[in-house]
N, C-alpha and C. Protein backbone atom coordinates (compact mmCIF):
# COMPACT_ATOMS: atom_id res chain seq x y z
N MET A 1 92.84 162.16 91.69
CA MET A 1 92.64 161.25 90.58
C MET A 1 92.82 162.03 89.28
N PRO A 2 93.60 161.51 88.32
CA PRO A 2 93.80 162.19 87.05
C PRO A 2 92.49 162.35 86.28
N SER A 3 92.38 163.45 85.55
CA SER A 3 91.16 163.73 84.80
C SER A 3 91.08 162.95 83.50
N GLY A 4 92.23 162.52 82.99
CA GLY A 4 92.24 161.83 81.71
C GLY A 4 92.30 162.80 80.54
N ALA A 5 92.45 164.10 80.82
CA ALA A 5 92.48 165.10 79.76
C ALA A 5 93.73 164.95 78.90
N LEU A 6 94.82 164.52 79.49
CA LEU A 6 96.05 164.30 78.74
C LEU A 6 96.33 162.80 78.71
N SER A 7 96.71 162.31 77.56
CA SER A 7 97.06 160.91 77.46
C SER A 7 98.09 160.73 76.37
N TYR A 8 98.71 159.55 76.36
CA TYR A 8 99.65 159.25 75.30
C TYR A 8 99.62 157.76 75.04
N GLU A 9 100.16 157.36 73.90
CA GLU A 9 100.20 155.96 73.53
C GLU A 9 101.59 155.67 72.98
N THR A 10 102.19 154.59 73.42
CA THR A 10 103.51 154.22 72.93
C THR A 10 103.37 153.20 71.81
N ALA A 11 104.40 153.12 70.99
CA ALA A 11 104.39 152.16 69.90
C ALA A 11 104.53 150.74 70.45
N THR A 12 103.80 149.82 69.88
CA THR A 12 103.88 148.41 70.25
C THR A 12 103.94 147.60 68.96
N ALA A 13 104.16 146.31 69.10
CA ALA A 13 104.20 145.44 67.93
C ALA A 13 102.86 145.48 67.19
N ASN A 14 101.75 145.60 67.94
CA ASN A 14 100.43 145.64 67.32
C ASN A 14 100.07 147.01 66.78
N HIS A 15 100.73 148.04 67.26
CA HIS A 15 100.45 149.42 66.85
C HIS A 15 101.78 150.16 66.71
N PRO A 16 102.56 149.86 65.65
CA PRO A 16 103.86 150.50 65.51
C PRO A 16 103.74 152.00 65.26
N LYS A 17 104.72 152.72 65.72
CA LYS A 17 104.75 154.17 65.52
C LYS A 17 105.02 154.47 64.05
N LYS A 18 104.20 155.32 63.47
CA LYS A 18 104.38 155.70 62.08
C LYS A 18 105.51 156.72 61.99
N GLU A 19 106.15 156.78 60.84
CA GLU A 19 107.30 157.66 60.65
C GLU A 19 106.96 159.12 60.90
N ASN A 20 105.75 159.56 60.55
CA ASN A 20 105.38 160.97 60.69
C ASN A 20 104.76 161.29 62.04
N GLU A 21 104.60 160.31 62.93
CA GLU A 21 104.03 160.57 64.25
C GLU A 21 105.07 161.25 65.14
N MET A 22 104.59 162.12 66.00
CA MET A 22 105.48 162.83 66.91
C MET A 22 105.91 161.94 68.06
N SER A 23 106.98 162.35 68.70
CA SER A 23 107.47 161.65 69.87
C SER A 23 106.44 161.71 70.98
N THR A 24 106.38 160.68 71.82
CA THR A 24 105.46 160.68 72.94
C THR A 24 106.11 161.29 74.18
N THR A 25 107.38 161.69 74.07
CA THR A 25 108.04 162.35 75.19
C THR A 25 107.52 163.78 75.28
N PHE A 26 106.94 164.09 76.43
CA PHE A 26 106.31 165.39 76.61
C PHE A 26 106.48 165.79 78.07
N GLU A 27 106.78 167.06 78.30
CA GLU A 27 106.99 167.54 79.66
C GLU A 27 106.20 168.81 79.87
N ILE A 28 105.54 168.91 81.02
CA ILE A 28 104.83 170.13 81.40
C ILE A 28 105.37 170.57 82.75
N ASN A 29 105.87 171.78 82.82
CA ASN A 29 106.35 172.36 84.08
C ASN A 29 105.45 173.53 84.45
N ILE A 30 104.85 173.45 85.63
CA ILE A 30 103.97 174.51 86.11
C ILE A 30 104.84 175.50 86.89
N LEU A 31 104.93 176.72 86.39
CA LEU A 31 105.71 177.74 87.07
C LEU A 31 104.89 178.38 88.17
N LYS A 32 105.51 178.59 89.32
CA LYS A 32 104.82 179.23 90.44
C LYS A 32 104.35 180.62 89.99
N ASN A 33 103.06 180.86 90.15
CA ASN A 33 102.45 182.15 89.79
C ASN A 33 102.64 182.50 88.32
N GLY A 34 102.82 181.50 87.48
CA GLY A 34 103.05 181.76 86.06
C GLY A 34 102.44 180.70 85.17
N PRO A 35 102.93 180.62 83.94
CA PRO A 35 102.34 179.72 82.95
C PRO A 35 102.75 178.27 83.13
N ALA A 36 102.15 177.43 82.33
CA ALA A 36 102.55 176.03 82.21
C ALA A 36 103.48 175.96 81.00
N ILE A 37 104.73 175.56 81.22
CA ILE A 37 105.70 175.46 80.14
C ILE A 37 105.65 174.03 79.60
N CYS A 38 105.32 173.91 78.33
CA CYS A 38 105.20 172.61 77.67
C CYS A 38 106.40 172.41 76.76
N LYS A 39 107.03 171.24 76.88
CA LYS A 39 108.20 170.92 76.07
C LYS A 39 108.00 169.56 75.42
N GLY A 40 108.31 169.49 74.16
CA GLY A 40 108.17 168.26 73.39
C GLY A 40 107.68 168.62 72.00
N SER A 41 107.32 167.67 71.23
CA SER A 41 106.78 167.94 69.89
C SER A 41 105.33 168.39 70.05
N LEU A 42 105.06 169.65 69.76
CA LEU A 42 103.76 170.24 70.03
C LEU A 42 103.02 170.65 68.76
N ILE A 43 101.75 170.43 68.78
CA ILE A 43 100.83 171.05 67.83
C ILE A 43 99.66 171.52 68.68
N ILE A 44 99.45 172.82 68.76
CA ILE A 44 98.34 173.38 69.53
C ILE A 44 97.33 173.92 68.53
N LYS A 45 96.08 173.44 68.67
CA LYS A 45 95.01 173.83 67.75
C LYS A 45 93.90 174.53 68.51
N ASP A 46 93.18 175.41 67.80
CA ASP A 46 92.03 176.06 68.40
C ASP A 46 90.81 175.15 68.29
N ALA A 47 89.65 175.62 68.75
CA ALA A 47 88.44 174.81 68.76
C ALA A 47 87.99 174.39 67.36
N ASP A 48 88.40 175.13 66.33
CA ASP A 48 88.04 174.80 64.96
C ASP A 48 89.07 173.91 64.28
N GLY A 49 90.13 173.53 65.01
CA GLY A 49 91.17 172.67 64.45
C GLY A 49 92.29 173.42 63.75
N LYS A 50 92.24 174.75 63.76
CA LYS A 50 93.30 175.55 63.14
C LYS A 50 94.54 175.52 64.03
N ILE A 51 95.70 175.29 63.43
CA ILE A 51 96.95 175.24 64.19
C ILE A 51 97.32 176.64 64.66
N ILE A 52 97.47 176.77 65.98
CA ILE A 52 97.88 178.03 66.60
C ILE A 52 99.40 178.08 66.71
N LEU A 53 99.98 176.95 67.08
CA LEU A 53 101.42 176.88 67.29
C LEU A 53 101.89 175.46 67.02
N GLN A 54 103.03 175.35 66.37
CA GLN A 54 103.67 174.06 66.15
C GLN A 54 105.14 174.25 66.43
N GLY A 55 105.69 173.45 67.34
CA GLY A 55 107.09 173.59 67.69
C GLY A 55 107.48 172.68 68.82
N GLU A 56 108.50 173.08 69.55
CA GLU A 56 109.06 172.26 70.62
C GLU A 56 108.80 172.81 72.02
N LYS A 57 108.30 174.05 72.12
CA LYS A 57 108.09 174.65 73.44
C LYS A 57 106.97 175.67 73.36
N ALA A 58 106.14 175.72 74.42
CA ALA A 58 105.07 176.71 74.49
C ALA A 58 104.79 177.03 75.95
N ALA A 59 104.38 178.27 76.20
CA ALA A 59 103.95 178.69 77.53
C ALA A 59 102.44 178.89 77.47
N LEU A 60 101.71 178.05 78.22
CA LEU A 60 100.25 178.13 78.22
C LEU A 60 99.77 178.93 79.42
N CYS A 61 98.81 179.81 79.19
CA CYS A 61 98.26 180.67 80.23
C CYS A 61 97.54 179.85 81.29
N ARG A 62 97.78 180.19 82.54
CA ARG A 62 97.03 179.58 83.65
C ARG A 62 96.18 180.60 84.37
N CYS A 63 96.45 181.90 84.17
CA CYS A 63 95.75 182.92 84.94
C CYS A 63 94.43 183.35 84.30
N GLY A 64 94.26 183.11 83.01
CA GLY A 64 93.04 183.48 82.31
C GLY A 64 93.03 184.91 81.79
N ALA A 65 94.09 185.67 82.05
CA ALA A 65 94.10 187.08 81.65
C ALA A 65 94.86 187.35 80.34
N SER A 66 95.49 186.34 79.77
CA SER A 66 96.25 186.54 78.54
C SER A 66 95.33 186.99 77.41
N GLU A 67 95.79 187.93 76.63
CA GLU A 67 95.05 188.37 75.44
C GLU A 67 95.44 187.55 74.23
N ASN A 68 96.28 186.53 74.44
CA ASN A 68 96.74 185.67 73.37
C ASN A 68 96.44 184.20 73.72
N GLN A 69 95.24 183.95 74.27
CA GLN A 69 94.85 182.59 74.70
C GLN A 69 94.99 181.60 73.57
N PRO A 70 95.43 180.40 73.85
CA PRO A 70 95.74 179.83 75.15
C PRO A 70 97.18 180.09 75.58
N LEU A 71 97.90 180.90 74.81
CA LEU A 71 99.30 181.16 75.12
C LEU A 71 99.46 182.28 76.14
N CYS A 72 100.53 182.20 76.91
CA CYS A 72 100.83 183.21 77.93
C CYS A 72 101.39 184.46 77.27
N ASP A 73 100.93 185.63 77.72
CA ASP A 73 101.50 186.90 77.24
C ASP A 73 102.09 187.71 78.39
N GLY A 74 102.26 187.08 79.56
CA GLY A 74 102.83 187.77 80.72
C GLY A 74 101.80 188.47 81.59
N ALA A 75 100.53 188.31 81.27
CA ALA A 75 99.47 188.98 82.04
C ALA A 75 99.49 188.57 83.50
N HIS A 76 99.97 187.38 83.81
CA HIS A 76 100.00 186.91 85.20
C HIS A 76 100.76 187.88 86.11
N ALA A 77 101.80 188.49 85.58
CA ALA A 77 102.59 189.46 86.37
C ALA A 77 101.79 190.75 86.60
N ARG A 78 101.05 191.19 85.59
CA ARG A 78 100.27 192.43 85.70
C ARG A 78 99.11 192.29 86.70
N ILE A 79 98.53 191.08 86.78
CA ILE A 79 97.37 190.90 87.66
C ILE A 79 97.74 190.27 89.00
N ASP A 80 99.04 190.06 89.23
CA ASP A 80 99.53 189.45 90.47
C ASP A 80 98.88 188.08 90.69
N PHE A 81 98.91 187.25 89.63
CA PHE A 81 98.34 185.90 89.70
C PHE A 81 99.06 185.07 90.75
N GLN A 82 98.30 184.39 91.55
CA GLN A 82 98.82 183.47 92.56
C GLN A 82 98.30 182.07 92.25
N GLY A 83 99.20 181.18 91.94
CA GLY A 83 98.74 179.84 91.63
C GLY A 83 99.83 178.88 91.30
């Protein structure tokens, strides 16, 4: 069952998409033993709301060993992450 952690909303007649809103097209590819590659219009913020990254592609850490959380720094290879 999905957790509901990720969601999206499409434009409708009752809720039209604003000109400055990002595209709802988003793709996440989980690499074997590696990061989650996110593609689409991204804004990644920290817990305080500060923008960490804004762009079209990001590699998010899945192993927990990255020193650049939440982004991947290749630590998965050093620790032989399996996942």
